[in-house]
Every structure is written in structure tokens, then in C-alpha cells.
């Protein structure tokens, strides 16, 4: 497993992953959506552990996860997850 924590980029990524996890557990998502997002988050974490992990790939996967989480939260709050709130 690569040691990303030894570089500034790795430490920043670890902090973003920790924040993403805090955001995930802070929301009360219905089972299907919550389970899907949890699996997506685990996949992002697993991507970090791959030998020769590419931080750009992990960053893109993390960004996709965060976007999906925001959409799910928007749907729960009645906004449909769209920027125009329609």
C-alpha cells in the first residue's frame, strides 16, 4: 500500500477523505441511497490503497462521490439536487 501520508498532497487527500466521511455519516440517508453512497466512499478509499495509486484518479473519484452526496442531500431536503432548485 502506498504511503500517501508522507507527502503534503497525501496529507491533504487524507484530510479531504476524513471530511467526506464526516459529511456522509452526518446525513440520514434512506437505505438504498445511503448504502450506495457508502459503497462509493469505500471504493474511493480502496483506490488509495492500490499499489502505485494515482492521486489524480483518487481526487476525481472523491469529487464524484462528493457530488453524488450533495445530490442525495438535495433530494432529501426537497431541492432535487439541481442548482436551479427546480
Protein backbone atom coordinates (compact mmCIF):
# COMPACT_ATOMS: atom_id res chain seq x y z
CA UNK A 1 0.00 0.00 0.00
CA UNK A 2 1.40 3.42 -0.93
CA UNK A 3 2.24 5.82 1.85
CA UNK A 4 0.48 8.94 0.67
CA UNK A 5 0.61 10.47 4.14
CA UNK A 6 4.30 11.28 3.80
CA UNK A 7 3.69 13.94 1.14
CA UNK A 8 1.79 17.22 1.54
CA UNK A 9 -0.57 16.11 -1.25
CA UNK A 10 -1.18 12.83 0.54
CA UNK A 11 -1.92 14.54 3.83
CA UNK A 12 -4.33 16.93 2.11
CA UNK A 13 -6.06 13.99 0.42
CA UNK A 14 -6.33 12.17 3.75
CA UNK A 15 -7.94 15.26 5.28
CA UNK A 16 -10.43 15.52 2.40
CA UNK A 17 -11.29 11.83 2.77
CA UNK A 18 -11.86 12.30 6.51
CA UNK A 19 -14.09 15.32 5.84
CA UNK A 20 -16.03 13.38 3.20
CA UNK A 21 -16.59 10.59 5.72
CA UNK A 22 -17.81 13.08 8.34
CA UNK A 23 -20.25 14.52 5.81
CA UNK A 24 -21.50 11.06 4.85
CA UNK A 25 -22.21 9.95 8.40
CA UNK A 26 -23.77 13.30 9.33
CA UNK A 27 -26.66 12.81 6.88
CA UNK A 28 -29.57 10.49 7.49
CA UNK A 29 -29.96 8.98 4.03
CA UNK A 30 -32.61 6.41 3.15
CA UNK A 31 -31.25 2.86 2.92
CA UNK A 32 -30.80 2.45 -0.84
CA UNK A 33 -29.13 5.84 -1.31
CA UNK A 34 -27.13 5.59 1.90
CA UNK A 35 -25.84 2.13 1.09
CA UNK A 36 -24.91 3.14 -2.46
CA UNK A 37 -23.02 6.22 -1.25
CA UNK A 38 -21.28 4.25 1.47
CA UNK A 39 -20.08 1.72 -1.12
CA UNK A 40 -18.93 4.55 -3.37
CA UNK A 41 -16.96 6.09 -0.49
CA UNK A 42 -15.35 2.73 0.29
CA UNK A 43 -14.37 2.41 -3.38
CA UNK A 44 -12.65 5.79 -3.17
CA UNK A 45 -10.77 4.67 -0.06
CA UNK A 46 -9.82 1.39 -1.75
CA UNK A 47 -8.44 3.33 -4.73
CA UNK A 48 -5.97 4.99 -2.35
CA UNK A 49 -4.70 1.59 -1.20
CA UNK A 50 -3.86 0.27 -4.68
CA UNK A 51 -0.15 -0.14 -5.33
CA UNK A 52 1.00 2.83 -7.37
CA UNK A 53 -2.19 4.72 -6.61
CA UNK A 54 -2.65 7.75 -8.83
CA UNK A 55 -3.73 10.67 -6.65
CA UNK A 56 -5.39 12.34 -9.66
CA UNK A 57 -7.65 9.30 -10.09
CA UNK A 58 -8.45 9.28 -6.38
CA UNK A 59 -9.20 13.01 -6.46
CA UNK A 60 -11.62 12.53 -9.37
CA UNK A 61 -13.35 9.64 -7.60
CA UNK A 62 -13.60 11.70 -4.42
CA UNK A 63 -15.06 14.65 -6.35
CA UNK A 64 -17.63 12.34 -7.96
CA UNK A 65 -18.54 10.92 -4.56
CA UNK A 66 -18.98 14.40 -3.06
CA UNK A 67 -21.15 15.47 -5.99
CA UNK A 68 -23.34 12.37 -5.56
CA UNK A 69 -23.59 13.04 -1.83
CA UNK A 70 -24.67 16.64 -2.46
CA UNK A 71 -27.32 15.48 -4.94
CA UNK A 72 -28.66 12.95 -2.43
CA UNK A 73 -28.78 15.56 0.33
CA UNK A 74 -30.54 17.96 -2.04
CA UNK A 75 -33.19 15.36 -2.82
CA UNK A 76 -33.77 14.72 0.87
CA UNK A 77 -34.13 18.43 1.55
CA UNK A 78 -36.62 18.73 -1.31
CA UNK A 79 -34.44 20.61 -3.76
CA UNK A 80 -33.89 17.83 -6.27
CA UNK A 81 -30.14 18.33 -6.15
CA UNK A 82 -30.19 20.85 -9.01
CA UNK A 83 -28.53 24.26 -8.78
CA UNK A 84 -31.72 26.00 -10.00
CA UNK A 85 -33.80 24.26 -7.27
CA UNK A 86 -36.41 23.16 -9.78
